[in-house]
Protein backbone atom coordinates (compact mmCIF):
# COMPACT_ATOMS: atom_id res chain seq x y z
CA UNK A 1 129.75 106.85 107.34
CA UNK A 2 129.06 107.23 111.00
CA UNK A 3 132.21 106.35 112.97
CA UNK A 4 131.70 104.63 116.23
CA UNK A 5 132.80 106.60 119.31
CA UNK A 6 134.92 104.99 122.01
CA UNK A 7 131.73 104.58 124.06
CA UNK A 8 130.15 102.73 121.19
CA UNK A 9 133.09 100.47 120.80
CA UNK A 10 133.31 99.64 124.49
CA UNK A 11 129.62 98.82 124.50
CA UNK A 12 129.81 96.47 121.55
CA UNK A 13 132.92 94.71 122.97
CA UNK A 14 131.33 94.42 126.37
CA UNK A 15 128.23 92.83 124.77
CA UNK A 16 130.53 90.31 122.94
CA UNK A 17 132.23 89.47 126.23
CA UNK A 18 128.88 88.98 127.95
CA UNK A 19 127.82 86.70 125.14
CA UNK A 20 130.99 84.62 125.53
CA UNK A 21 130.20 84.11 129.20
CA UNK A 22 126.59 83.15 128.42
CA UNK A 23 127.64 80.69 125.72
CA UNK A 24 130.12 79.00 128.00
CA UNK A 25 127.49 78.64 130.65
CA UNK A 26 125.13 77.08 128.17
CA UNK A 27 127.74 74.66 126.78
CA UNK A 28 128.69 73.62 130.28
CA UNK A 29 125.00 72.96 131.24
CA UNK A 30 124.69 75.81 133.71
CA UNK A 31 122.05 77.44 131.41
CA UNK A 32 119.18 75.47 129.81
CA UNK A 33 118.26 76.07 126.22
CA UNK A 34 115.11 77.90 127.42
CA UNK A 35 117.29 80.24 129.57
CA UNK A 36 119.85 80.74 126.78
CA UNK A 37 117.40 81.37 123.99
CA UNK A 38 116.58 85.00 124.81
CA UNK A 39 120.27 85.72 125.37
CA UNK A 40 121.32 84.48 121.91
CA UNK A 41 118.38 86.10 120.17
CA UNK A 42 119.38 89.48 121.64
CA UNK A 43 122.63 89.09 119.75
CA UNK A 44 121.18 87.92 116.48
CA UNK A 45 121.57 84.09 116.89
CA UNK A 46 118.64 81.97 115.62
CA UNK A 47 118.33 78.25 115.40
CA UNK A 48 117.26 77.27 111.87
CA UNK A 49 116.41 74.04 110.22
CA UNK A 50 119.88 72.53 110.34
CA UNK A 51 122.25 74.90 112.18
CA UNK A 52 122.38 78.34 113.87
CA UNK A 53 121.80 81.36 111.74
CA UNK A 54 123.53 84.71 112.57
CA UNK A 55 121.99 88.06 111.56
CA UNK A 56 124.48 90.89 111.50
CA UNK A 57 123.20 94.37 111.77
CA UNK A 58 124.17 96.83 109.00
CA UNK A 59 122.43 100.04 110.09
CA UNK A 60 120.77 101.66 107.08
CA UNK A 61 122.85 99.48 104.82
CA UNK A 62 126.19 101.46 104.97
CA UNK A 63 129.15 99.11 105.23
CA UNK A 64 132.91 99.78 105.04
CA UNK A 65 135.41 97.68 103.12
CA UNK A 66 137.11 96.66 106.40
CA UNK A 67 133.78 95.33 107.57
CA UNK A 68 133.21 93.43 104.38
CA UNK A 69 136.57 91.81 104.83
CA UNK A 70 135.68 90.51 108.32
CA UNK A 71 132.37 89.22 106.96
CA UNK A 72 134.46 87.45 104.27
CA UNK A 73 136.62 85.93 106.95
CA UNK A 74 133.53 84.76 108.86
CA UNK A 75 132.14 83.15 105.71
CA UNK A 76 135.40 81.43 104.92
CA UNK A 77 136.48 80.21 108.39
CA UNK A 78 133.28 79.85 110.40
CA UNK A 79 130.29 79.28 108.03
CA UNK A 80 131.23 75.60 107.89
CA UNK A 81 128.91 72.89 109.41
CA UNK A 82 130.01 69.46 110.48
CA UNK A 83 130.00 66.80 107.75
CA UNK A 84 127.23 64.98 109.56
CA UNK A 85 124.94 68.07 109.65
CA UNK A 86 125.57 68.94 106.06
CA UNK A 87 125.00 65.38 104.91
CA UNK A 88 121.66 65.31 106.73
CA UNK A 89 120.67 68.47 105.03
CA UNK A 90 121.71 67.18 101.66
CA UNK A 91 119.67 63.95 101.98
CA UNK A 92 116.61 65.95 102.94
CA UNK A 93 116.97 68.07 99.76
CA UNK A 94 117.60 64.99 97.63
CA UNK A 95 114.34 63.46 99.01
CA UNK A 96 112.38 66.58 97.93
CA UNK A 97 113.85 66.39 94.42
CA UNK A 98 114.68 68.96 91.79
CA UNK A 99 112.36 71.39 89.93
CA UNK A 100 111.86 70.42 86.25
CA UNK A 101 112.41 73.20 83.72
CA UNK A 102 110.22 74.06 80.82
CA UNK A 103 111.79 72.43 77.79
CA UNK A 104 113.88 70.01 79.72
CA UNK A 105 116.42 70.07 82.46
CA UNK A 106 116.21 70.52 86.25
CA UNK A 107 116.91 73.10 88.94
CA UNK A 108 118.31 71.76 92.21
CA UNK A 109 118.48 73.10 95.72
CA UNK A 110 121.98 74.37 96.41
CA UNK A 111 123.06 73.90 99.94
CA UNK A 112 126.14 76.10 99.98
CA UNK A 113 128.60 76.81 102.83
CA UNK A 114 131.02 79.72 103.11
CA UNK A 115 128.53 82.35 102.11
CA UNK A 116 127.03 85.60 103.54
CA UNK A 117 123.42 86.52 102.51
CA UNK A 118 122.22 90.04 101.95
CA UNK A 119 118.61 90.52 103.25
CA UNK A 120 115.88 92.88 102.23
CA UNK A 121 116.38 94.74 105.48
CA UNK A 122 120.02 95.60 104.61
CA UNK A 123 121.49 93.02 107.04
CA UNK A 124 123.84 90.13 106.40
CA UNK A 125 123.13 86.56 107.49
CA UNK A 126 125.18 83.36 107.83
CA UNK A 127 123.48 79.93 107.91
CA UNK A 128 126.04 77.34 109.10
CA UNK A 129 128.13 78.74 111.97
CA UNK A 130 128.41 76.13 114.76
CA UNK A 131 127.08 77.49 118.04
CA UNK A 132 130.29 76.64 119.89
CA UNK A 133 132.14 79.03 117.65
CA UNK A 134 129.62 81.84 117.88
CA UNK A 135 131.46 83.82 120.62
CA UNK A 136 134.60 83.96 118.44
CA UNK A 137 132.45 85.36 115.64
CA UNK A 138 131.02 88.04 117.95
CA UNK A 139 134.58 89.12 118.82
CA UNK A 140 135.44 89.40 115.12
CA UNK A 141 132.34 91.49 114.46
CA UNK A 142 133.09 93.76 117.42
CA UNK A 143 136.66 94.39 116.13
CA UNK A 144 135.12 96.32 113.17
CA UNK A 145 132.14 97.85 114.97
CA UNK A 146 129.58 95.24 113.87
CA UNK A 147 127.17 93.19 115.94
CA UNK A 148 123.84 91.43 115.96
CA UNK A 149 122.07 93.61 118.63
CA UNK A 150 118.42 94.13 117.92
CA UNK A 151 118.29 92.05 114.79
CA UNK A 152 115.94 89.68 116.60
CA UNK A 153 113.27 89.78 119.29
CA UNK A 154 110.34 92.04 120.04
CA UNK A 155 112.15 95.31 119.80
CA UNK A 156 112.88 98.09 117.28
CA UNK A 157 114.92 96.43 114.58
CA UNK A 158 117.65 97.70 112.23
CA UNK A 159 116.65 101.10 110.64
CA UNK A 160 116.55 100.92 106.93
CA UNK A 161 116.62 103.50 104.18
CA UNK A 162 117.09 104.07 100.43
CA UNK A 163 120.48 102.67 99.26
CA UNK A 164 120.94 106.01 97.44
CA UNK A 165 120.56 108.01 100.66
CA UNK A 166 122.65 111.12 100.48
CA UNK A 167 123.49 110.81 96.81
CA UNK A 168 120.08 110.63 95.07
CA UNK A 169 119.11 113.41 92.65
CA UNK A 170 115.51 113.37 93.89
CA UNK A 171 116.28 113.88 97.57
CA UNK A 172 114.60 116.49 99.77
CA UNK A 173 117.10 115.86 102.49
CA UNK A 174 119.72 113.20 103.40
CA UNK A 175 117.96 110.62 105.66
CA UNK A 176 121.20 109.05 106.98
CA UNK A 177 121.63 111.45 109.95
CA UNK A 178 118.05 110.77 110.98
CA UNK A 179 118.56 107.08 110.58
CA UNK A 180 121.52 107.27 112.99
CA UNK A 181 119.76 109.46 115.44
CA UNK A 182 116.85 107.07 115.54
CA UNK A 183 119.17 104.10 115.79
CA UNK A 184 120.83 105.63 118.87
CA UNK A 185 117.43 106.55 120.41
CA UNK A 186 115.99 103.02 119.79
CA UNK A 187 119.07 100.89 120.76
CA UNK A 188 118.24 99.18 124.12
CA UNK A 189 115.44 101.68 124.71
CA UNK A 190 114.29 100.56 128.23
CA UNK A 191 110.60 100.96 127.47
CA UNK A 192 110.61 99.11 124.08
CA UNK A 193 112.86 96.17 124.73
CA UNK A 194 109.85 93.77 125.02
CA UNK A 195 107.20 95.01 122.55
CA UNK A 196 104.18 92.85 121.61
CA UNK A 197 106.15 91.96 118.45
CA UNK A 198 109.12 93.09 116.34
CA UNK A 199 108.98 96.68 115.08
CA UNK A 200 110.56 97.92 111.78
CA UNK A 201 111.25 101.50 110.73
CA UNK A 202 112.16 102.65 107.22
CA UNK A 203 113.02 106.21 106.10
CA UNK A 204 113.41 107.86 102.84
CA UNK A 205 114.40 111.45 101.91
CA UNK A 206 113.65 111.01 98.20
CA UNK A 207 110.50 111.66 96.09
CA UNK A 208 110.83 108.05 94.82
CA UNK A 209 110.31 105.58 97.59
CA UNK A 210 113.09 103.08 97.15
CA UNK A 211 112.79 102.03 100.85
CA UNK A 212 109.29 100.56 100.62
CA UNK A 213 108.22 102.70 103.59
CA UNK A 214 104.53 101.98 103.24
CA UNK A 215 105.17 98.32 104.05
CA UNK A 216 106.74 98.98 107.40
CA UNK A 217 105.50 99.29 111.01
CA UNK A 218 106.57 102.97 110.73
CA UNK A 219 107.43 104.65 107.43
CA UNK A 220 109.02 108.09 107.46
CA UNK A 221 109.29 110.39 104.50
CA UNK A 222 111.31 113.59 104.72
CA UNK A 223 109.33 116.48 103.36
CA UNK A 224 109.24 120.28 103.42
CA UNK A 225 106.17 122.37 104.34
CA UNK A 226 105.05 125.57 102.54
CA UNK A 227 107.45 127.54 104.77
CA UNK A 228 110.35 125.38 103.78
CA UNK A 229 110.59 123.76 107.22
CA UNK A 230 111.92 120.18 107.19
CA UNK A 231 109.73 117.51 108.71
CA UNK A 232 108.45 113.96 108.27
CA UNK A 233 105.25 112.47 106.89
CA UNK A 234 104.62 109.61 109.30
CA UNK A 235 102.80 106.37 108.29
CA UNK A 236 102.29 103.54 110.69
CA UNK A 237 100.73 100.06 110.58
CA UNK A 238 102.14 98.58 107.37
CA UNK A 239 103.32 95.02 107.01
CA UNK A 240 103.26 91.81 105.07
CA UNK A 241 102.83 88.31 106.51
CA UNK A 242 99.40 86.70 106.88
CA UNK A 243 97.66 90.11 106.62
CA UNK A 244 99.24 92.43 104.13
CA UNK A 245 98.51 96.06 105.04
CA UNK A 246 99.62 99.42 103.55
CA UNK A 247 100.52 101.79 106.36
CA UNK A 248 98.08 104.77 106.62
CA UNK A 249 99.40 108.19 107.16
CA UNK A 250 99.15 109.29 110.81
CA UNK A 251 100.46 112.88 110.30
CA UNK A 252 101.30 114.62 107.12
CA UNK A 253 103.91 116.73 108.90
CA UNK A 254 105.93 116.38 112.09
CA UNK A 255 108.68 118.94 112.39
CA UNK A 256 112.01 117.11 112.09
CA UNK A 257 113.35 118.06 115.49
CA UNK A 258 110.30 116.46 117.09
CA UNK A 259 110.43 113.14 115.27
CA UNK A 260 111.82 111.18 118.24
CA UNK A 261 109.12 112.50 120.56
CA UNK A 262 106.49 111.52 118.02
CA UNK A 263 108.01 108.06 117.52
CA UNK A 264 108.04 107.67 121.31
CA UNK A 265 104.27 108.34 121.27
CA UNK A 266 103.63 105.92 118.41
CA UNK A 267 105.43 102.99 120.01
CA UNK A 268 104.14 103.76 123.55
CA UNK A 269 100.54 103.43 122.32
CA UNK A 270 101.38 100.22 120.47
CA UNK A 271 103.22 98.90 123.56
CA UNK A 272 100.17 99.68 125.65
CA UNK A 273 97.53 98.16 123.49
CA UNK A 274 99.28 95.63 121.09
CA UNK A 275 98.01 92.05 121.38
CA UNK A 276 100.24 89.83 123.53
CA UNK A 277 97.87 86.87 123.66
CA UNK A 278 98.22 86.02 120.00
CA UNK A 279 101.48 86.47 118.11
CA UNK A 280 99.66 86.41 114.76
CA UNK A 281 97.74 89.52 115.78
CA UNK A 282 100.51 91.26 117.75
CA UNK A 283 102.01 93.54 114.99
CA UNK A 284 101.07 97.21 115.07
CA UNK A 285 99.24 96.84 111.71
CA UNK A 286 96.53 94.80 113.46
CA UNK A 287 96.10 97.45 116.12
CA UNK A 288 96.06 100.41 113.68
CA UNK A 289 93.65 98.60 111.38
CA UNK A 290 91.30 97.65 114.20
CA UNK A 291 91.32 100.97 116.03
CA UNK A 292 91.69 103.46 113.14
CA UNK A 293 91.19 107.03 114.21
CA UNK A 294 91.10 106.00 117.91
CA UNK A 295 94.71 104.90 117.64
CA UNK A 296 95.72 108.16 115.95
CA UNK A 297 93.91 110.20 118.60
CA UNK A 298 95.66 108.38 121.36
CA UNK A 299 99.12 108.89 119.68
CA UNK A 300 98.32 112.65 119.37
CA UNK A 301 97.36 112.76 123.06
CA UNK A 302 100.58 110.94 124.02
CA UNK A 303 102.72 113.23 121.84
CA UNK A 304 101.07 116.25 123.48
CA UNK A 305 101.87 114.94 126.91
CA UNK A 306 105.46 114.17 125.92
CA UNK A 307 106.07 117.66 124.45
CA UNK A 308 104.31 119.59 127.21
CA UNK A 309 104.17 117.75 130.50
CA UNK A 310 107.45 115.90 129.94
CA UNK A 311 109.26 118.82 128.37
CA UNK A 312 109.89 117.14 124.96
CA UNK A 313 112.93 115.21 126.19
CA UNK A 314 113.84 113.72 122.86
CA UNK A 315 113.89 116.92 120.82
CA UNK A 316 116.82 116.81 118.38
CA UNK A 317 118.94 119.92 118.95
CA UNK A 318 120.63 121.78 116.12
CA UNK A 319 124.00 120.91 117.69
CA UNK A 320 123.19 117.16 117.76
CA UNK A 321 121.93 117.18 114.28
CA UNK A 322 125.06 119.08 113.09
CA UNK A 323 127.29 116.57 114.95
CA UNK A 324 125.70 113.60 113.38
CA UNK A 325 125.43 115.14 109.91
CA UNK A 326 129.05 115.98 109.97
CA UNK A 327 129.76 112.17 109.81
CA UNK A 328 128.09 111.85 106.46
CA UNK A 329 130.15 114.23 104.31
CA UNK A 330 130.95 113.14 100.76
CA UNK A 331 134.62 112.14 100.06
CA UNK A 332 136.80 114.83 98.60
CA UNK A 333 136.91 114.92 94.84
CA UNK A 334 139.13 116.77 92.35
CA UNK A 335 137.14 119.79 91.11
CA UNK A 336 138.46 119.12 87.62
CA UNK A 337 137.02 115.59 87.54
CA UNK A 338 134.90 114.99 84.41
CA UNK A 339 131.14 114.81 84.43
CA UNK A 340 130.67 113.14 81.04
CA UNK A 341 130.77 109.40 80.46
CA UNK A 342 133.98 108.26 78.94
CA UNK A 343 133.64 107.25 75.28
CA UNK A 344 136.48 104.80 75.37
CA UNK A 345 134.50 101.66 75.57
CA UNK A 346 131.46 101.14 73.35
CA UNK A 347 131.00 97.47 73.92
CA UNK A 348 127.23 96.57 73.90
CA UNK A 349 127.66 94.76 77.32
CA UNK A 350 129.17 97.92 78.82
CA UNK A 351 126.35 100.12 77.45
CA UNK A 352 123.73 97.79 78.92
CA UNK A 353 125.58 97.84 82.25
CA UNK A 354 125.49 101.62 82.18
CA UNK A 355 121.80 101.50 81.44
CA UNK A 356 120.87 99.02 84.19
CA UNK A 357 123.46 99.16 86.91
CA UNK A 358 124.56 102.80 86.92
CA UNK A 359 122.40 105.50 88.43
CA UNK A 360 122.68 109.31 88.47
CA UNK A 361 124.26 111.05 91.42
CA UNK A 362 123.72 114.35 93.10
CA UNK A 363 127.38 115.09 92.33
CA UNK A 364 127.65 115.19 88.52
CA UNK A 365 131.25 113.90 88.76
CA UNK A 366 130.03 110.64 90.25
CA UNK A 367 127.58 107.76 89.72
CA UNK A 368 126.09 105.15 91.96
CA UNK A 369 126.85 101.60 90.71
CA UNK A 370 125.10 98.41 91.74
CA UNK A 371 127.03 95.15 91.87
CA UNK A 372 124.73 92.31 90.91
CA UNK A 373 124.69 89.27 93.18
CA UNK A 374 122.02 87.52 91.12
CA UNK A 375 123.68 84.85 88.98
CA UNK A 376 123.03 81.30 87.82
CA UNK A 377 124.02 78.72 90.35
CA UNK A 378 124.01 81.16 93.33
CA UNK A 379 120.99 81.97 95.45
CA UNK A 380 119.73 85.62 95.21
CA UNK A 381 121.68 87.79 97.65
CA UNK A 382 124.27 85.17 98.49
CA UNK A 383 127.91 86.29 98.46
CA UNK A 384 130.92 83.92 98.74
CA UNK A 385 133.86 84.78 100.90
CA UNK A 386 135.93 85.57 97.81
CA UNK A 387 133.18 87.85 96.50
CA UNK A 388 132.94 89.71 99.80
CA UNK A 389 136.69 90.28 99.73
CA UNK A 390 136.46 91.30 96.07
CA UNK A 391 133.58 93.73 96.82
CA UNK A 392 135.80 95.24 99.62
CA UNK A 393 138.60 95.72 97.02
CA UNK A 394 136.22 97.37 94.58
CA UNK A 395 134.90 99.63 97.33
CA UNK A 396 138.41 100.73 98.22
CA UNK A 397 139.46 101.22 94.63
CA UNK A 398 136.33 103.01 93.32
CA UNK A 399 134.08 104.17 96.19
CA UNK A 400 136.11 105.66 99.04
CA UNK A 401 135.87 102.37 100.94
CA UNK A 402 132.18 102.33 101.32
CA UNK A 403 129.33 100.06 99.99
CA UNK A 404 125.64 99.88 100.65
CA UNK A 405 123.49 96.72 101.16
CA UNK A 406 120.39 97.19 99.03
CA UNK A 407 116.76 96.32 99.64
CA UNK A 408 116.91 94.15 96.63
CA UNK A 409 119.86 92.02 97.97
CA UNK A 410 122.75 93.54 96.10
CA UNK A 411 125.63 95.89 96.90
CA UNK A 412 125.78 99.47 95.76
CA UNK A 413 128.99 101.52 95.41
CA UNK A 414 127.95 105.14 96.17
CA UNK A 415 131.07 107.22 95.22
CA UNK A 416 132.24 106.07 91.80
CA UNK A 417 134.00 108.68 89.67
CA UNK A 418 132.55 109.00 86.23
CA UNK A 419 136.03 108.58 84.79
CA UNK A 420 136.41 105.18 86.59
CA UNK A 421 133.24 103.63 85.18
CA UNK A 422 134.99 101.65 82.30
CA UNK A 423 137.65 100.24 84.71
CA UNK A 424 135.05 99.37 87.31
CA UNK A 425 132.97 97.58 84.73
CA UNK A 426 135.94 95.56 83.56
CA UNK A 427 136.94 94.60 87.13
CA UNK A 428 133.38 93.76 88.25
CA UNK A 429 132.82 91.73 85.01
CA UNK A 430 135.85 89.67 85.74
CA UNK A 431 134.48 88.87 89.16
CA UNK A 432 131.05 87.97 87.83
CA UNK A 433 129.43 90.96 89.51
CA UNK A 434 128.56 93.10 86.47
CA UNK A 435 125.44 91.32 85.11
CA UNK A 436 123.27 94.03 83.47
CA UNK A 437 120.13 92.69 85.08
CA UNK A 438 119.43 95.29 87.85
CA UNK A 439 115.66 95.88 87.92
CA UNK A 440 115.02 93.00 85.46
CA UNK A 441 113.34 89.65 86.01
CA UNK A 442 116.42 87.78 87.31
CA UNK A 443 117.29 90.53 89.83
CA UNK A 444 114.62 88.75 91.98
CA UNK A 445 114.22 88.94 95.75
CA UNK A 446 114.07 85.61 97.43
CA UNK A 447 114.22 84.39 101.06
CA UNK A 448 116.29 81.27 101.94
CA UNK A 449 113.10 79.21 102.15
CA UNK A 450 112.81 75.61 103.23
CA UNK A 451 116.40 74.86 102.26
CA UNK A 452 117.45 76.61 105.48
CA UNK A 453 114.49 78.01 107.45
CA UNK A 454 112.39 75.76 109.61
CA UNK A 455 109.40 78.14 109.40
CA UNK A 456 109.21 77.71 105.61
CA UNK A 457 106.52 75.61 103.98
CA UNK A 458 108.40 75.22 100.71
CA UNK A 459 111.74 75.89 99.10
CA UNK A 460 112.40 79.22 97.45
CA UNK A 461 115.86 78.64 95.99
CA UNK A 462 115.19 75.94 93.41
CA UNK A 463 112.30 78.01 92.11
CA UNK A 464 114.53 81.09 91.78
CA UNK A 465 117.14 78.88 90.12
CA UNK A 466 114.61 77.44 87.65
CA UNK A 467 113.44 80.90 86.62
CA UNK A 468 117.02 82.19 86.37
CA UNK A 469 118.00 79.23 84.17
CA UNK A 470 114.97 79.83 81.90
CA UNK A 471 115.82 83.60 81.45
CA UNK A 472 119.55 83.70 80.78
CA UNK A 473 119.32 85.60 77.48
CA UNK A 474 119.97 89.27 78.31
CA UNK A 475 118.27 90.32 75.05
CA UNK A 476 115.07 88.58 76.20
CA UNK A 477 115.37 90.09 79.76
CA UNK A 478 115.79 93.56 78.35
CA UNK A 479 112.84 92.96 75.97
CA UNK A 480 110.65 91.97 78.99
CA UNK A 481 111.90 95.10 80.74
CA UNK A 482 111.55 96.32 84.28
CA UNK A 483 109.80 93.84 86.54
CA UNK A 484 109.88 92.88 90.27
CA UNK A 485 109.78 89.16 91.02
CA UNK A 486 109.68 88.27 94.70
CA UNK A 487 109.67 84.74 96.22
CA UNK A 488 108.83 83.69 99.83
CA UNK A 489 108.95 80.22 101.25
CA UNK A 490 106.11 80.89 103.72
CA UNK A 491 103.44 83.37 104.78
CA UNK A 492 105.94 85.29 106.91
CA UNK A 493 106.91 87.05 103.69
CA UNK A 494 110.64 87.44 104.16
CA UNK A 495 110.89 87.45 100.34
CA UNK A 496 108.28 90.24 100.13
CA UNK A 497 106.03 88.32 97.66
CA UNK A 498 103.15 90.61 98.43
CA UNK A 499 104.93 93.58 96.82
CA UNK A 500 106.22 91.88 93.74
CA UNK A 501 104.74 92.63 90.30
CA UNK A 502 104.94 88.81 90.34
CA UNK A 503 104.93 87.19 93.79
CA UNK A 504 105.51 83.55 94.52
CA UNK A 505 104.50 82.11 97.92
CA UNK A 506 105.36 78.58 99.14
CA UNK A 507 102.45 76.74 100.86
CA UNK A 508 102.05 73.33 102.35
CA UNK A 509 99.36 70.99 101.08
CA UNK A 510 99.29 67.59 102.82
CA UNK A 511 103.02 67.72 103.41
CA UNK A 512 103.84 68.69 99.79
CA UNK A 513 105.31 71.85 98.36
CA UNK A 514 102.97 74.05 96.45
CA UNK A 515 103.03 77.66 95.39
CA UNK A 516 100.61 80.48 95.04
CA UNK A 517 101.27 83.17 92.45
CA UNK A 518 100.16 86.77 92.95
CA UNK A 519 100.19 89.55 90.36
CA UNK A 520 100.14 93.39 90.55
CA UNK A 521 101.91 94.03 93.83
CA UNK A 522 103.98 97.14 94.36
CA UNK A 523 106.53 98.41 96.80
CA UNK A 524 105.61 102.03 96.22
CA UNK A 525 108.42 103.12 93.89
CA UNK A 526 107.82 105.37 90.90
CA UNK A 527 108.06 102.35 88.55
CA UNK A 528 105.57 100.37 90.51
CA UNK A 529 103.13 103.15 91.56
CA UNK A 530 101.29 103.32 94.82
CA UNK A 531 102.13 100.49 97.29
CA UNK A 532 99.64 97.64 97.04
CA UNK A 533 99.54 93.91 97.66
CA UNK A 534 99.25 91.55 94.70
CA UNK A 535 96.28 89.34 93.95
CA UNK A 536 96.26 85.56 93.86
CA UNK A 537 95.73 84.02 90.48
CA UNK A 538 94.25 80.56 90.24
CA UNK A 539 94.90 77.60 92.52
CA UNK A 540 98.27 76.53 93.94
CA UNK A 541 100.90 75.28 91.52
CA UNK A 542 103.39 72.51 91.88
CA UNK A 543 107.12 73.38 91.86
CA UNK A 544 107.35 71.94 88.31
CA UNK A 545 104.54 74.28 87.09
CA UNK A 546 105.83 77.53 88.56
CA UNK A 547 108.41 78.29 85.81
CA UNK A 548 105.72 77.51 83.19
CA UNK A 549 103.31 79.82 84.96
CA UNK A 550 105.81 82.64 84.89
CA UNK A 551 106.54 82.00 81.21
CA UNK A 552 102.73 82.03 80.41
CA UNK A 553 102.19 85.29 82.27
CA UNK A 554 105.14 86.99 80.57
CA UNK A 555 104.01 85.74 77.17
CA UNK A 556 100.65 87.26 77.86
CA UNK A 557 102.27 90.56 78.76
CA UNK A 558 104.28 90.61 75.52
CA UNK A 559 101.18 90.01 73.49
CA UNK A 560 99.21 92.70 75.28
CA UNK A 561 101.78 95.48 75.75
CA UNK A 562 101.70 98.63 73.56
CA UNK A 563 104.75 100.47 72.23
CA UNK A 564 107.68 99.65 70.06
CA UNK A 565 111.50 99.21 70.11
CA UNK A 566 112.84 100.30 73.49
CA UNK A 567 109.68 102.01 74.52
CA UNK A 568 107.27 99.25 75.36
CA UNK A 569 104.80 99.61 78.20
CA UNK A 570 106.09 97.99 81.41
CA UNK A 571 104.63 94.78 82.73
CA UNK A 572 102.97 96.51 85.68
CA UNK A 573 101.42 99.17 83.49
CA UNK A 574 100.06 96.55 81.04
CA UNK A 575 98.65 94.53 83.86
CA UNK A 576 96.81 97.59 85.31
CA UNK A 577 95.55 98.66 81.85
CA UNK A 578 94.17 95.27 80.64
CA UNK A 579 93.26 93.86 84.04
CA UNK A 580 94.07 90.57 85.78
CA UNK A 581 91.78 88.30 83.75
CA UNK A 582 93.99 87.44 80.75
CA UNK A 583 97.00 86.84 83.00
CA UNK A 584 94.92 84.73 85.40
CA UNK A 585 93.66 82.68 82.44
CA UNK A 586 97.23 82.16 81.21
CA UNK A 587 98.50 80.99 84.59
CA UNK A 588 95.50 78.69 85.05
CA UNK A 589 96.01 77.17 81.66
CA UNK A 590 99.18 75.66 83.03
CA UNK A 591 97.25 73.95 85.83
CA UNK A 592 94.56 72.73 83.35
CA UNK A 593 97.23 71.41 81.03
CA UNK A 594 98.88 69.56 83.94
CA UNK A 595 95.51 68.07 84.90
CA UNK A 596 94.86 66.94 81.39
CA UNK A 597 98.24 65.24 81.14
CA UNK A 598 97.55 63.48 84.45
CA UNK A 599 94.21 62.30 83.21
CA UNK A 600 95.79 61.02 79.98
CA UNK A 601 98.48 59.15 81.91
CA UNK A 602 95.70 57.49 83.98
CA UNK A 603 93.74 56.57 80.88
CA UNK A 604 96.87 55.09 79.27
């Protein structure tokens, strides 16, 4: 992990001190809410439906055990609303009602306090911290080199990458040094502090894109040219939201040492021409789509000016790359450590866990292990204070004190010895973090939705809970196989519904919660194929109908798939082979059945 320098620490502590002064002036009435708003946003503090929400930056997902413990303390001691605020929130959810389950039962909204929430951008959020305590929280974060800088606002946000960065077997080069170099370049960049809209960069060094780079404002893929020189393939103009766009490639190869100069050109041209009169058309994807080759040509001209007239001021020198790369060395391991999986535990549950939650490692003596934070009765990506503490203990015991926040809202332990796998499984299982569901239906991505976010049109969490309740049988989950289910509470797409094999989007119809279902989306991974947005099937569905729609779609898949035993065709491959029509008909049959039942009730 990259250790903060004394300069870094002084900077973060100074920012915390500045924020405390700003907060005191706001609470005393010296600053209006309008004056205070940009100051809190610059530090990751939002105002959500019921209470402030804090977004903590976890650059490229790497987090130390000591940092997890501070997050646990924040969850336990500060993520606690007043009784009045919580009761108001509870009454609102009661008024909206639960979601009926196929076959009986209900799924309820779960307004929980004392939690952290892992996001798809490898950050951690808290939903209930009172504003008057926010400066104390900033001090706690600064004590372990954490902060909320550039987790909000129209700036370059947290740099994300593959959670297996530096350990993946399919890696061309470790992207983490480049993530850190770009983080330092972009932090408080004076020219890019007030862009037309927020700007997100994702990097991968692997042949399989586990960072969903094509869906980002800029997606960077480390590659080697024919001469063996390291560089980046650069795509720009991807994004979700109201207009889902896959980022087109601007350049197939930019030499690695020139990547900051090229990024400077990309963002300068966007800053110059991006829409500032309409926030819905302000993202770079709109500019790139509208201008096409003209945008690329202007970036090339800007890059030429930077590298010739300006003297390429952001060139990454070999010394700087070596300095940063030295911070990402693997922990020392006994050379005699075994490379074969221990045969001491043949329990079926353990074998399934090895299959789903344990991934190959570039070091044959190690494995990468994902702790599942997807469980019944807990929102996807939520972690209690006790779970955060327990994860820190597991990281210390089995992973050299390091964990990774994943794109799919879990935690990964990157440095697990092969010989420790049985013990880790037993410890994680005792904590409820060893569900063998990674990559399966219940390992879903979901935003907080209308339970917390005032931008949302509908709730995400009771829908996620209803589907999780319906599919608790691990035998059935493994029979269904690999599938990406993504849920968003509104068109802003924080739950990445566009890229889900099955996507669920909350919409508002006359003040009521309804949901669109999309099929066939992809994030660009090997399993999913080329990145693409899903297609809407049928009309909107009521909350009660959504679990039945999912069941109908999956039943159609199991009837149409080919193969046998453990070698069935995946959902996404079946969908692409047979086409959308039978799945659309299955989904719409739920709506038709609901309409017929309503007509029957009226007739009776």
